[in-house]
Amino acid sequence: MRVAPLDQDADAGRKYLNERSLQIGHVLPLSEETFKEYFPEKNSFLLYSVRAVDALFTFRPGQEKWTPRADFRIVTDSPTALKEAVERIEDTAVAQERLVLRTRIFGYDRKRLQAFKALGYKIGASIPGAVSLDGKQFDLHYLYKELDDRYHPSIRRNYSRPGLYKIQEVDKAKNQRLKIRGYRKEDRPLLNKAASHLNVLRGIANGVFEGTVPWSPGSYEEWFDKRRVYPIVCEDESIGEPVGLLDLSRLDPDVMQHTMLLGMYVRAEYQGLGVGTLLMDAMKTLAKRLHLSRVMLTVFEGNTPAEKLYRKSGFVECGSVPGWLQEGYINETYMVLRLD
């Protein structure tokens, strides 16, 4: 079999994918823009058997706090091509010192699930009822494989230890008057500042140092304009500033339009004062207005305040996948809220 970069024949790759689009959760053919989101040319490849495309795959190395992990996606009907593509991906991961590989499989795709298990992949988390097809609900499975046994010597470096992001002592806000409202674009600079505090960075798993904004300039506003993200803000009326943000992000697959992903953070000096509870209550109203039946999230083990809030709000654990928090190796727990 021969591997070639996708940009050598992107049209062939798109045609191949559209004939197998259910493997990535789409029913209708993908637009060129959507195809590039799933398979960016610089990270995607075609696997040929003689002259015919036998597989399409992409490899996305993690960034910032997820640096030791990589995600991948493979579209193929052939067990042989699947094995070949996985081997290429794992070789790339080892060369880049990625310790964990992760992918996702939709519950209706049982043969692919079994094929990945035969290649040593484990189900870390299963989100019940997150996928819908032909009037039936299926689970969403996150599979992973740890590759550290392929490293000699071990690459678990000595800087991977607790304490890199120390929790700072912060004076709690006083005389606050909290209210929930919609998001405004002028909130962004204040929310960026809140998100860059070390106590917040370590919880939301983005950014590297205090002062690092956890998203590129303009990207959040673009998602907001395209209605890919639906934010809610908690404001302290006594200072006229937002002190917490919760958003629901739309997932791309056609078969997951009744499920959205939750993200939330609270300004450091307002943590533990009820901001999260107000935001979670408002989220349930928003979710019902968006006709959702599932809301899912991930949280790093050890983030006890967040875990407690999520359980109190009705979220239940669905499993975990090995993760990384720039303090060492730590599991990322998946949770889901059922609304139906």
C-alpha atoms as a PDB file:
ATOM      1  CA  MET A   1       0.000   0.000   0.000  1.00  0.00           C
ATOM      2  CA  ARG A   2       1.100   3.568  -0.734  1.00  0.00           C
ATOM      3  CA  VAL A   3       0.503   6.681   1.370  1.00  0.00           C
ATOM      4  CA  ALA A   4       0.205  10.136  -0.196  1.00  0.00           C
ATOM      5  CA  PRO A   5      -0.630  13.575   1.231  1.00  0.00           C
ATOM      6  CA  LEU A   6      -4.267  14.511   0.754  1.00  0.00           C
ATOM      7  CA  ASP A   7      -3.380  17.658  -1.190  1.00  0.00           C
ATOM      8  CA  GLN A   8      -2.130  15.495  -4.072  1.00  0.00           C
ATOM      9  CA  ASP A   9      -5.725  14.497  -4.850  1.00  0.00           C
ATOM     10  CA  ALA A  10      -8.174  16.200  -2.507  1.00  0.00           C
ATOM     11  CA  ASP A  11     -11.086  15.604  -4.904  1.00  0.00           C
ATOM     12  CA  ALA A  12     -10.530  11.851  -4.749  1.00  0.00           C
ATOM     13  CA  GLY A  13     -10.410  12.030  -0.961  1.00  0.00           C
ATOM     14  CA  ARG A  14     -13.643  13.987  -0.756  1.00  0.00           C
ATOM     15  CA  LYS A  15     -15.395  11.567  -3.178  1.00  0.00           C
ATOM     16  CA  TYR A  16     -14.148   8.599  -1.156  1.00  0.00           C
ATOM     17  CA  LEU A  17     -15.382  10.157   2.104  1.00  0.00           C
ATOM     18  CA  ASN A  18     -18.826  11.101   0.784  1.00  0.00           C
ATOM     19  CA  GLU A  19     -19.455   7.471  -0.152  1.00  0.00           C
ATOM     20  CA  ARG A  20     -18.714   6.539   3.486  1.00  0.00           C
ATOM     21  CA  SER A  21     -19.801   9.683   5.315  1.00  0.00           C
ATOM     22  CA  LEU A  22     -21.645   7.780   8.061  1.00  0.00           C
ATOM     23  CA  GLN A  23     -18.243   6.751   9.414  1.00  0.00           C
ATOM     24  CA  ILE A  24     -17.768  10.356  10.565  1.00  0.00           C
ATOM     25  CA  GLY A  25     -21.437  10.866  11.436  1.00  0.00           C
ATOM     26  CA  HIS A  26     -22.736  12.634   8.331  1.00  0.00           C
ATOM     27  CA  VAL A  27     -25.660  11.637   6.155  1.00  0.00           C
ATOM     28  CA  LEU A  28     -25.480  14.235   3.398  1.00  0.00           C
ATOM     29  CA  PRO A  29     -22.354  14.865   1.281  1.00  0.00           C
ATOM     30  CA  LEU A  30     -19.903  17.235   2.916  1.00  0.00           C
ATOM     31  CA  SER A  31     -19.225  20.699   1.562  1.00  0.00           C
ATOM     32  CA  GLU A  32     -15.642  21.546   0.675  1.00  0.00           C
ATOM     33  CA  GLU A  33     -15.377  23.745   3.777  1.00  0.00           C
ATOM     34  CA  THR A  34     -16.666  21.003   6.102  1.00  0.00           C
ATOM     35  CA  PHE A  35     -14.444  18.408   4.441  1.00  0.00           C
ATOM     36  CA  LYS A  36     -11.382  20.569   5.165  1.00  0.00           C
ATOM     37  CA  GLU A  37     -12.428  20.921   8.804  1.00  0.00           C
ATOM     38  CA  TYR A  38     -12.508  17.152   9.199  1.00  0.00           C
ATOM     39  CA  PHE A  39      -9.469  16.459   7.042  1.00  0.00           C
ATOM     40  CA  PRO A  40      -7.117  19.466   6.886  1.00  0.00           C
ATOM     41  CA  GLU A  41      -4.703  18.904   4.033  1.00  0.00           C
ATOM     42  CA  LYS A  42      -1.524  19.445   6.053  1.00  0.00           C
ATOM     43  CA  ASN A  43      -2.440  16.639   8.496  1.00  0.00           C
ATOM     44  CA  SER A  44      -4.377  14.237   6.233  1.00  0.00           C
ATOM     45  CA  PHE A  45      -3.388  11.384   3.927  1.00  0.00           C
ATOM     46  CA  LEU A  46      -4.734   8.950   1.360  1.00  0.00           C
ATOM     47  CA  LEU A  47      -3.855   5.257   1.484  1.00  0.00           C
ATOM     48  CA  TYR A  48      -3.838   3.614  -1.945  1.00  0.00           C
ATOM     49  CA  SER A  49      -4.167  -0.042  -2.838  1.00  0.00           C
ATOM     50  CA  VAL A  50      -2.735  -0.179  -6.362  1.00  0.00           C
ATOM     51  CA  ARG A  51      -4.422   2.937  -7.865  1.00  0.00           C
ATOM     52  CA  ALA A  52      -7.617   3.017  -5.837  1.00  0.00           C
ATOM     53  CA  VAL A  53      -8.067   4.935  -2.579  1.00  0.00           C
ATOM     54  CA  ASP A  54      -8.439   2.394   0.221  1.00  0.00           C
ATOM     55  CA  ALA A  55      -8.434   4.717   3.248  1.00  0.00           C
ATOM     56  CA  LEU A  56      -8.492   8.370   4.242  1.00  0.00           C
ATOM     57  CA  PHE A  57      -7.008   9.394   7.573  1.00  0.00           C
ATOM     58  CA  THR A  58      -5.908  12.409   9.565  1.00  0.00           C
ATOM     59  CA  PHE A  59      -3.569  12.824  12.537  1.00  0.00           C
ATOM     60  CA  ARG A  60      -3.877  15.823  14.850  1.00  0.00           C
ATOM     61  CA  PRO A  61      -1.202  16.229  17.528  1.00  0.00           C
ATOM     62  CA  GLY A  62      -2.311  17.828  20.764  1.00  0.00           C
ATOM     63  CA  GLN A  63      -1.283  21.333  21.733  1.00  0.00           C
ATOM     64  CA  GLU A  64      -0.469  23.154  24.946  1.00  0.00           C
ATOM     65  CA  LYS A  65      -1.795  21.057  27.831  1.00  0.00           C
ATOM     66  CA  TRP A  66      -2.662  18.180  25.502  1.00  0.00           C
ATOM     67  CA  THR A  67       0.798  17.994  23.926  1.00  0.00           C
ATOM     68  CA  PRO A  68       1.471  14.315  24.851  1.00  0.00           C
ATOM     69  CA  ARG A  69      -1.813  13.224  23.224  1.00  0.00           C
ATOM     70  CA  ALA A  70      -2.972  13.014  19.601  1.00  0.00           C
ATOM     71  CA  ASP A  71      -6.346  12.481  17.958  1.00  0.00           C
ATOM     72  CA  PHE A  72      -6.942  10.697  14.694  1.00  0.00           C
ATOM     73  CA  ARG A  73      -9.751   9.772  12.320  1.00  0.00           C
ATOM     74  CA  ILE A  74      -9.822   6.988   9.706  1.00  0.00           C
ATOM     75  CA  VAL A  75     -12.367   6.292   6.965  1.00  0.00           C
ATOM     76  CA  THR A  76     -12.085   2.896   5.269  1.00  0.00           C
ATOM     77  CA  ASP A  77     -14.064  -0.264   4.493  1.00  0.00           C
ATOM     78  CA  SER A  78     -11.014  -2.509   4.530  1.00  0.00           C
ATOM     79  CA  PRO A  79      -9.678  -4.192   7.703  1.00  0.00           C
ATOM     80  CA  THR A  80      -6.274  -4.403   6.015  1.00  0.00           C
ATOM     81  CA  ALA A  81      -6.261  -0.678   5.197  1.00  0.00           C
ATOM     82  CA  LEU A  82      -7.430   0.145   8.716  1.00  0.00           C
ATOM     83  CA  LYS A  83      -4.540  -1.801  10.206  1.00  0.00           C
ATOM     84  CA  GLU A  84      -2.067  -0.166   7.814  1.00  0.00           C
ATOM     85  CA  ALA A  85      -3.361   3.352   8.540  1.00  0.00           C
ATOM     86  CA  VAL A  86      -3.307   2.773  12.304  1.00  0.00           C
ATOM     87  CA  GLU A  87       0.287   1.536  12.112  1.00  0.00           C
ATOM     88  CA  ARG A  88       1.297   4.680  10.194  1.00  0.00           C
ATOM     89  CA  ILE A  89      -0.448   6.862  12.762  1.00  0.00           C
ATOM     90  CA  GLU A  90       1.141   5.062  15.704  1.00  0.00           C
ATOM     91  CA  ASP A  91       4.610   5.329  14.132  1.00  0.00           C
ATOM     92  CA  THR A  92       4.066   9.069  13.696  1.00  0.00           C
ATOM     93  CA  ALA A  93       2.871   9.399  17.281  1.00  0.00           C
ATOM     94  CA  VAL A  94       5.928   7.601  18.624  1.00  0.00           C
ATOM     95  CA  ALA A  95       8.244   9.788  16.528  1.00  0.00           C
ATOM     96  CA  GLN A  96       6.570  12.878  18.022  1.00  0.00           C
ATOM     97  CA  GLU A  97       6.588  11.421  21.571  1.00  0.00           C
ATOM     98  CA  ARG A  98       2.799  11.267  21.859  1.00  0.00           C
ATOM     99  CA  LEU A  99       1.883   8.931  24.686  1.00  0.00           C
ATOM    100  CA  VAL A 100      -1.838   8.500  24.029  1.00  0.00           C
ATOM    101  CA  LEU A 101      -3.863   8.194  20.829  1.00  0.00           C
ATOM    102  CA  ARG A 102      -7.602   8.866  20.855  1.00  0.00           C
ATOM    103  CA  THR A 103     -10.417   8.461  18.338  1.00  0.00           C
ATOM    104  CA  ARG A 104     -14.196   8.194  18.442  1.00  0.00           C
ATOM    105  CA  ILE A 105     -16.621   5.654  17.015  1.00  0.00           C
ATOM    106  CA  PHE A 106     -20.391   5.948  16.664  1.00  0.00           C
ATOM    107  CA  GLY A 107     -22.354   3.123  18.267  1.00  0.00           C
ATOM    108  CA  TYR A 108     -24.070   2.057  15.044  1.00  0.00           C
ATOM    109  CA  ASP A 109     -20.639   1.313  13.502  1.00  0.00           C
ATOM    110  CA  ARG A 110     -20.117  -1.960  15.348  1.00  0.00           C
ATOM    111  CA  LYS A 111     -17.707  -3.590  12.895  1.00  0.00           C
ATOM    112  CA  ARG A 112     -15.303  -0.645  13.128  1.00  0.00           C
ATOM    113  CA  LEU A 113     -15.548  -0.718  16.909  1.00  0.00           C
ATOM    114  CA  GLN A 114     -14.563  -4.391  16.966  1.00  0.00           C
ATOM    115  CA  ALA A 115     -11.785  -3.776  14.438  1.00  0.00           C
ATOM    116  CA  PHE A 116     -10.227  -1.092  16.651  1.00  0.00           C
ATOM    117  CA  LYS A 117     -10.491  -3.334  19.701  1.00  0.00           C
ATOM    118  CA  ALA A 118      -8.617  -6.033  17.761  1.00  0.00           C
ATOM    119  CA  LEU A 119      -5.826  -3.483  17.237  1.00  0.00           C
ATOM    120  CA  GLY A 120      -5.463  -2.895  20.975  1.00  0.00           C
ATOM    121  CA  TYR A 121      -7.732   0.125  21.451  1.00  0.00           C
ATOM    122  CA  LYS A 122      -9.878   0.355  24.563  1.00  0.00           C
ATOM    123  CA  ILE A 123     -13.169   2.108  25.186  1.00  0.00           C
ATOM    124  CA  GLY A 124     -12.377   4.820  27.680  1.00  0.00           C
ATOM    125  CA  ALA A 125     -15.784   6.486  27.756  1.00  0.00           C
ATOM    126  CA  SER A 126     -19.203   5.833  26.242  1.00  0.00           C
ATOM    127  CA  ILE A 127     -21.751   8.657  26.101  1.00  0.00           C
ATOM    128  CA  PRO A 128     -25.197   6.993  26.170  1.00  0.00           C
ATOM    129  CA  GLY A 129     -27.711   8.096  23.561  1.00  0.00           C
ATOM    130  CA  ALA A 130     -25.497  10.864  22.155  1.00  0.00           C
ATOM    131  CA  VAL A 131     -25.915   9.619  18.575  1.00  0.00           C
ATOM    132  CA  SER A 132     -29.155   9.413  16.585  1.00  0.00           C
ATOM    133  CA  LEU A 133     -29.698   7.574  13.291  1.00  0.00           C
ATOM    134  CA  ASP A 134     -32.851   6.265  11.618  1.00  0.00           C
ATOM    135  CA  GLY A 135     -34.933   7.142  14.668  1.00  0.00           C
ATOM    136  CA  LYS A 136     -32.694   5.151  17.015  1.00  0.00           C
ATOM    137  CA  GLN A 137     -30.199   6.316  19.622  1.00  0.00           C
ATOM    138  CA  PHE A 138     -26.684   4.955  19.938  1.00  0.00           C
ATOM    139  CA  ASP A 139     -23.722   5.531  22.226  1.00  0.00           C
ATOM    140  CA  LEU A 140     -20.710   7.628  21.312  1.00  0.00           C
ATOM    141  CA  HIS A 141     -17.487   5.773  22.130  1.00  0.00           C
ATOM    142  CA  TYR A 142     -14.102   7.375  22.815  1.00  0.00           C
ATOM    143  CA  LEU A 143     -11.316   4.869  22.251  1.00  0.00           C
ATOM    144  CA  TYR A 144      -7.691   5.231  23.230  1.00  0.00           C
ATOM    145  CA  LYS A 145      -4.381   3.428  23.214  1.00  0.00           C
ATOM    146  CA  GLU A 146      -1.352   4.158  25.379  1.00  0.00           C
ATOM    147  CA  LEU A 147       1.920   3.966  23.496  1.00  0.00           C
ATOM    148  CA  ASP A 148       4.442   4.456  26.298  1.00  0.00           C
ATOM    149  CA  ASP A 149       5.453   0.791  26.177  1.00  0.00           C
ATOM    150  CA  ARG A 150       7.033   1.505  22.780  1.00  0.00           C
ATOM    151  CA  TYR A 151       9.499   3.990  24.256  1.00  0.00           C
ATOM    152  CA  HIS A 152      12.924   2.827  25.469  1.00  0.00           C
ATOM    153  CA  PRO A 153      13.792   4.367  27.803  1.00  0.00           C
ATOM    154  CA  SER A 154      10.565   5.765  29.197  1.00  0.00           C
ATOM    155  CA  ILE A 155       9.784   9.371  28.243  1.00  0.00           C
ATOM    156  CA  ARG A 156       7.794  10.125  31.378  1.00  0.00           C
ATOM    157  CA  ARG A 157       9.952  13.114  32.104  1.00  0.00           C
ATOM    158  CA  ASN A 158      10.851  14.223  35.583  1.00  0.00           C
ATOM    159  CA  TYR A 159       9.159  17.612  35.126  1.00  0.00           C
ATOM    160  CA  SER A 160       5.804  15.832  34.975  1.00  0.00           C
ATOM    161  CA  ARG A 161       4.924  16.340  38.603  1.00  0.00           C
ATOM    162  CA  PRO A 162       2.356  18.270  40.618  1.00  0.00           C
ATOM    163  CA  GLY A 163       3.074  21.893  41.345  1.00  0.00           C
ATOM    164  CA  LEU A 164       3.653  23.481  37.948  1.00  0.00           C
ATOM    165  CA  TYR A 165       0.318  25.260  38.264  1.00  0.00           C
ATOM    166  CA  LYS A 166       0.020  26.015  41.954  1.00  0.00           C
ATOM    167  CA  ILE A 167      -3.366  27.132  43.221  1.00  0.00           C
ATOM    168  CA  GLN A 168      -3.071  30.742  44.310  1.00  0.00           C
ATOM    169  CA  GLU A 169      -4.720  32.260  47.338  1.00  0.00           C
ATOM    170  CA  VAL A 170      -7.357  34.688  46.088  1.00  0.00           C
ATOM    171  CA  ASP A 171      -9.514  37.063  48.101  1.00  0.00           C
ATOM    172  CA  LYS A 172     -13.177  36.314  47.496  1.00  0.00           C
ATOM    173  CA  ALA A 173     -15.356  39.015  45.972  1.00  0.00           C
ATOM    174  CA  LYS A 174     -17.521  40.876  48.484  1.00  0.00           C
ATOM    175  CA  ASN A 175     -20.997  42.379  48.223  1.00  0.00           C
ATOM    176  CA  GLN A 176     -21.576  40.828  44.823  1.00  0.00           C
ATOM    177  CA  ARG A 177     -24.948  41.095  43.061  1.00  0.00           C
ATOM    178  CA  LEU A 178     -25.095  38.267  40.539  1.00  0.00           C
ATOM    179  CA  LYS A 179     -27.380  38.031  37.534  1.00  0.00           C
ATOM    180  CA  ILE A 180     -27.556  35.869  34.406  1.00  0.00           C
ATOM    181  CA  ARG A 181     -27.717  37.501  30.987  1.00  0.00           C
ATOM    182  CA  GLY A 182     -26.804  36.922  27.357  1.00  0.00           C
ATOM    183  CA  TYR A 183     -23.301  37.264  25.982  1.00  0.00           C
ATOM    184  CA  ARG A 184     -22.114  40.531  24.428  1.00  0.00           C
ATOM    185  CA  LYS A 185     -19.061  40.923  22.249  1.00  0.00           C
ATOM    186  CA  GLU A 186     -17.771  43.676  24.505  1.00  0.00           C
ATOM    187  CA  ASP A 187     -17.543  41.033  27.268  1.00  0.00           C
ATOM    188  CA  ARG A 188     -14.651  39.320  25.488  1.00  0.00           C
ATOM    189  CA  PRO A 189     -11.692  41.369  26.850  1.00  0.00           C
ATOM    190  CA  LEU A 190     -12.901  40.957  30.442  1.00  0.00           C
ATOM    191  CA  LEU A 191     -13.604  37.246  29.968  1.00  0.00           C
ATOM    192  CA  ASN A 192     -10.188  36.778  28.346  1.00  0.00           C
ATOM    193  CA  LYS A 193      -8.577  38.361  31.401  1.00  0.00           C
ATOM    194  CA  ALA A 194     -10.563  36.121  33.749  1.00  0.00           C
ATOM    195  CA  ALA A 195      -9.660  32.991  31.746  1.00  0.00           C
ATOM    196  CA  SER A 196      -5.932  33.728  31.898  1.00  0.00           C
ATOM    197  CA  HIS A 197      -5.653  33.522  35.702  1.00  0.00           C
ATOM    198  CA  LEU A 198      -3.653  30.450  36.752  1.00  0.00           C
ATOM    199  CA  ASN A 199      -6.442  29.094  38.962  1.00  0.00           C
ATOM    200  CA  VAL A 200      -8.751  29.227  35.942  1.00  0.00           C
ATOM    201  CA  LEU A 201      -6.222  28.021  33.355  1.00  0.00           C
ATOM    202  CA  ARG A 202      -5.554  24.802  35.240  1.00  0.00           C
ATOM    203  CA  GLY A 203      -9.274  23.997  35.281  1.00  0.00           C
ATOM    204  CA  ILE A 204     -10.157  24.710  31.665  1.00  0.00           C
ATOM    205  CA  ALA A 205      -6.963  23.078  30.373  1.00  0.00           C
ATOM    206  CA  ASN A 206      -5.953  25.796  27.942  1.00  0.00           C
ATOM    207  CA  GLY A 207      -3.155  28.282  27.935  1.00  0.00           C
ATOM    208  CA  VAL A 208       0.384  27.886  29.178  1.00  0.00           C
ATOM    209  CA  PHE A 209       1.146  30.813  31.478  1.00  0.00           C
ATOM    210  CA  GLU A 210      -0.851  33.438  33.295  1.00  0.00           C
ATOM    211  CA  GLY A 211      -1.854  36.095  30.784  1.00  0.00           C
ATOM    212  CA  THR A 212      -2.159  33.585  27.929  1.00  0.00           C
ATOM    213  CA  VAL A 213      -5.576  33.874  26.290  1.00  0.00           C
ATOM    214  CA  PRO A 214      -6.826  30.310  25.705  1.00  0.00           C
ATOM    215  CA  TRP A 215      -8.099  30.885  22.158  1.00  0.00           C
ATOM    216  CA  SER A 216      -6.776  32.641  19.111  1.00  0.00           C
ATOM    217  CA  PRO A 217      -7.900  36.238  18.432  1.00  0.00           C
ATOM    218  CA  GLY A 218     -11.320  36.412  16.816  1.00  0.00           C
ATOM    219  CA  SER A 219     -12.010  32.654  16.843  1.00  0.00           C
ATOM    220  CA  TYR A 220     -14.632  32.753  19.598  1.00  0.00           C
ATOM    221  CA  GLU A 221     -16.471  35.634  17.930  1.00  0.00           C
ATOM    222  CA  GLU A 222     -16.484  33.681  14.677  1.00  0.00           C
ATOM    223  CA  TRP A 223     -18.031  30.666  16.391  1.00  0.00           C
ATOM    224  CA  PHE A 224     -20.589  32.952  18.019  1.00  0.00           C
ATOM    225  CA  ASP A 225     -21.518  34.600  14.702  1.00  0.00           C
ATOM    226  CA  LYS A 226     -21.930  31.196  13.032  1.00  0.00           C
ATOM    227  CA  ARG A 227     -24.045  29.916  15.958  1.00  0.00           C
ATOM    228  CA  ARG A 228     -21.601  27.157  16.716  1.00  0.00           C
ATOM    229  CA  VAL A 229     -21.375  28.334  20.315  1.00  0.00           C
ATOM    230  CA  TYR A 230     -24.161  29.605  22.594  1.00  0.00           C
ATOM    231  CA  PRO A 231     -22.757  31.533  25.589  1.00  0.00           C
ATOM    232  CA  ILE A 232     -24.391  32.583  28.847  1.00  0.00           C
ATOM    233  CA  VAL A 233     -22.782  35.170  31.134  1.00  0.00           C
ATOM    234  CA  CYS A 234     -23.002  35.724  34.875  1.00  0.00           C
ATOM    235  CA  GLU A 235     -22.488  39.396  35.719  1.00  0.00           C
ATOM    236  CA  ASP A 236     -21.757  41.084  39.014  1.00  0.00           C
ATOM    237  CA  GLU A 237     -24.008  44.139  38.845  1.00  0.00           C
ATOM    238  CA  SER A 238     -22.042  45.813  41.633  1.00  0.00           C
ATOM    239  CA  ILE A 239     -19.066  46.217  39.274  1.00  0.00           C
ATOM    240  CA  GLY A 240     -20.845  45.877  35.925  1.00  0.00           C
ATOM    241  CA  GLU A 241     -18.547  43.109  34.682  1.00  0.00           C
ATOM    242  CA  PRO A 242     -18.948  39.465  33.630  1.00  0.00           C
ATOM    243  CA  VAL A 243     -17.546  37.067  36.230  1.00  0.00           C
ATOM    244  CA  GLY A 244     -18.414  33.715  34.704  1.00  0.00           C
ATOM    245  CA  LEU A 245     -19.127  32.162  31.322  1.00  0.00           C
ATOM    246  CA  LEU A 246     -20.873  28.956  30.292  1.00  0.00           C
ATOM    247  CA  ASP A 247     -21.266  27.958  26.674  1.00  0.00           C
ATOM    248  CA  LEU A 248     -22.784  25.121  24.705  1.00  0.00           C
ATOM    249  CA  SER A 249     -20.849  24.226  21.560  1.00  0.00           C
ATOM    250  CA  ARG A 250     -22.474  22.549  18.608  1.00  0.00           C
ATOM    251  CA  LEU A 251     -20.932  19.270  17.498  1.00  0.00           C
ATOM    252  CA  ASP A 252     -20.460  18.865  13.739  1.00  0.00           C
ATOM    253  CA  PRO A 253     -21.830  15.381  12.933  1.00  0.00           C
ATOM    254  CA  ASP A 254     -25.357  15.219  11.519  1.00  0.00           C
ATOM    255  CA  VAL A 255     -26.072  12.340  13.888  1.00  0.00           C
ATOM    256  CA  MET A 256     -25.239  14.430  16.987  1.00  0.00           C
ATOM    257  CA  GLN A 257     -27.375  17.538  16.534  1.00  0.00           C
ATOM    258  CA  HIS A 258     -29.320  16.794  19.727  1.00  0.00           C
ATOM    259  CA  THR A 259     -26.065  16.754  21.752  1.00  0.00           C
ATOM    260  CA  MET A 260     -23.837  19.705  22.640  1.00  0.00           C
ATOM    261  CA  LEU A 261     -20.582  20.163  24.528  1.00  0.00           C
ATOM    262  CA  LEU A 262     -20.424  22.302  27.668  1.00  0.00           C
ATOM    263  CA  GLY A 263     -17.556  24.568  28.652  1.00  0.00           C
ATOM    264  CA  MET A 264     -17.488  26.828  31.693  1.00  0.00           C
ATOM    265  CA  TYR A 265     -15.167  28.962  33.766  1.00  0.00           C
ATOM    266  CA  VAL A 266     -15.572  31.393  36.650  1.00  0.00           C
ATOM    267  CA  ARG A 267     -13.357  34.345  37.555  1.00  0.00           C
ATOM    268  CA  ALA A 268     -10.931  33.260  40.294  1.00  0.00           C
ATOM    269  CA  GLU A 269     -12.229  35.551  43.062  1.00  0.00           C
ATOM    270  CA  TYR A 270     -15.830  34.466  42.378  1.00  0.00           C
ATOM    271  CA  GLN A 271     -15.257  30.718  42.594  1.00  0.00           C
ATOM    272  CA  GLY A 272     -17.277  29.097  45.350  1.00  0.00           C
ATOM    273  CA  LEU A 273     -19.823  31.923  45.538  1.00  0.00           C
ATOM    274  CA  GLY A 274     -22.649  30.349  43.537  1.00  0.00           C
ATOM    275  CA  VAL A 275     -21.753  31.596  40.052  1.00  0.00           C
ATOM    276  CA  GLY A 276     -21.418  28.060  38.677  1.00  0.00           C
ATOM    277  CA  THR A 277     -24.792  26.998  40.072  1.00  0.00           C
ATOM    278  CA  LEU A 278     -26.525  29.997  38.477  1.00  0.00           C
ATOM    279  CA  LEU A 279     -24.887  29.257  35.137  1.00  0.00           C
ATOM    280  CA  MET A 280     -25.780  25.556  35.257  1.00  0.00           C
ATOM    281  CA  ASP A 281     -29.431  26.319  36.025  1.00  0.00           C
ATOM    282  CA  ALA A 282     -29.558  28.749  33.093  1.00  0.00           C
ATOM    283  CA  MET A 283     -27.850  26.169  30.864  1.00  0.00           C
ATOM    284  CA  LYS A 284     -30.708  23.709  31.353  1.00  0.00           C
ATOM    285  CA  THR A 285     -33.189  26.295  30.113  1.00  0.00           C
ATOM    286  CA  LEU A 286     -30.973  27.065  27.113  1.00  0.00           C
ATOM    287  CA  ALA A 287     -30.531  23.357  26.344  1.00  0.00           C
ATOM    288  CA  LYS A 288     -34.284  22.785  26.275  1.00  0.00           C
ATOM    289  CA  ARG A 289     -34.784  25.790  23.991  1.00  0.00           C
ATOM    290  CA  LEU A 290     -32.196  24.264  21.648  1.00  0.00           C
ATOM    291  CA  HIS A 291     -34.138  20.958  21.727  1.00  0.00           C
ATOM    292  CA  LEU A 292     -31.205  19.026  23.173  1.00  0.00           C
ATOM    293  CA  SER A 293     -31.471  15.615  24.772  1.00  0.00           C
ATOM    294  CA  ARG A 294     -27.836  15.377  25.907  1.00  0.00           C
ATOM    295  CA  VAL A 295     -25.175  17.765  27.192  1.00  0.00           C
ATOM    296  CA  MET A 296     -21.667  16.380  27.607  1.00  0.00           C
ATOM    297  CA  LEU A 297     -18.452  17.680  29.138  1.00  0.00           C
ATOM    298  CA  THR A 298     -15.018  16.596  30.275  1.00  0.00           C
ATOM    299  CA  VAL A 299     -13.248  17.415  33.528  1.00  0.00           C
ATOM    300  CA  PHE A 300      -9.798  16.475  34.773  1.00  0.00           C
ATOM    301  CA  GLU A 301      -9.700  14.189  37.804  1.00  0.00           C
ATOM    302  CA  GLY A 302      -8.810  16.160  40.887  1.00  0.00           C
ATOM    303  CA  ASN A 303     -10.812  19.252  39.914  1.00  0.00           C
ATOM    304  CA  THR A 304     -13.009  18.538  42.916  1.00  0.00           C
ATOM    305  CA  PRO A 305     -15.096  21.747  42.969  1.00  0.00           C
ATOM    306  CA  ALA A 306     -16.064  21.320  39.308  1.00  0.00           C
ATOM    307  CA  GLU A 307     -16.816  17.604  39.711  1.00  0.00           C
ATOM    308  CA  LYS A 308     -19.043  18.364  42.698  1.00  0.00           C
ATOM    309  CA  LEU A 309     -20.936  21.074  40.796  1.00  0.00           C
ATOM    310  CA  TYR A 310     -21.489  18.856  37.771  1.00  0.00           C
ATOM    311  CA  ARG A 311     -22.817  15.968  39.845  1.00  0.00           C
ATOM    312  CA  LYS A 312     -25.086  18.336  41.759  1.00  0.00           C
ATOM    313  CA  SER A 313     -26.440  19.565  38.413  1.00  0.00           C
ATOM    314  CA  GLY A 314     -27.324  16.030  37.280  1.00  0.00           C
ATOM    315  CA  PHE A 315     -24.268  15.011  35.235  1.00  0.00           C
ATOM    316  CA  VAL A 316     -23.128  11.398  35.541  1.00  0.00           C
ATOM    317  CA  GLU A 317     -19.727   9.904  34.722  1.00  0.00           C
ATOM    318  CA  CYS A 318     -19.360   7.872  31.518  1.00  0.00           C
ATOM    319  CA  GLY A 319     -15.718   6.848  31.704  1.00  0.00           C
ATOM    320  CA  SER A 320     -12.302   8.431  31.244  1.00  0.00           C
ATOM    321  CA  VAL A 321      -9.347   8.660  28.880  1.00  0.00           C
ATOM    322  CA  PRO A 322      -5.712   9.230  29.937  1.00  0.00           C
ATOM    323  CA  GLY A 323      -4.903  12.911  29.733  1.00  0.00           C
ATOM    324  CA  TRP A 324      -2.315  15.486  30.626  1.00  0.00           C
ATOM    325  CA  LEU A 325      -2.503  18.649  32.693  1.00  0.00           C
ATOM    326  CA  GLN A 326       1.063  20.015  32.482  1.00  0.00           C
ATOM    327  CA  GLU A 327       1.389  18.745  36.042  1.00  0.00           C
ATOM    328  CA  GLY A 328       1.637  15.117  35.091  1.00  0.00           C
ATOM    329  CA  TYR A 329      -0.493  12.355  33.656  1.00  0.00           C
ATOM    330  CA  ILE A 330      -4.105  12.476  34.750  1.00  0.00           C
ATOM    331  CA  ASN A 331      -7.400  11.060  33.542  1.00  0.00           C
ATOM    332  CA  GLU A 332      -9.930  13.201  31.727  1.00  0.00           C
ATOM    333  CA  THR A 333     -13.411  12.211  32.905  1.00  0.00           C
ATOM    334  CA  TYR A 334     -16.398  12.331  30.554  1.00  0.00           C
ATOM    335  CA  MET A 335     -19.809  13.238  31.956  1.00  0.00           C
ATOM    336  CA  VAL A 336     -23.274  13.576  30.448  1.00  0.00           C
ATOM    337  CA  LEU A 337     -26.572  15.212  31.418  1.00  0.00           C
ATOM    338  CA  ARG A 338     -29.721  13.559  30.064  1.00  0.00           C
ATOM    339  CA  LEU A 339     -32.581  15.916  29.312  1.00  0.00           C
ATOM    340  CA  ASP A 340     -35.109  13.506  27.738  1.00  0.00           C
END
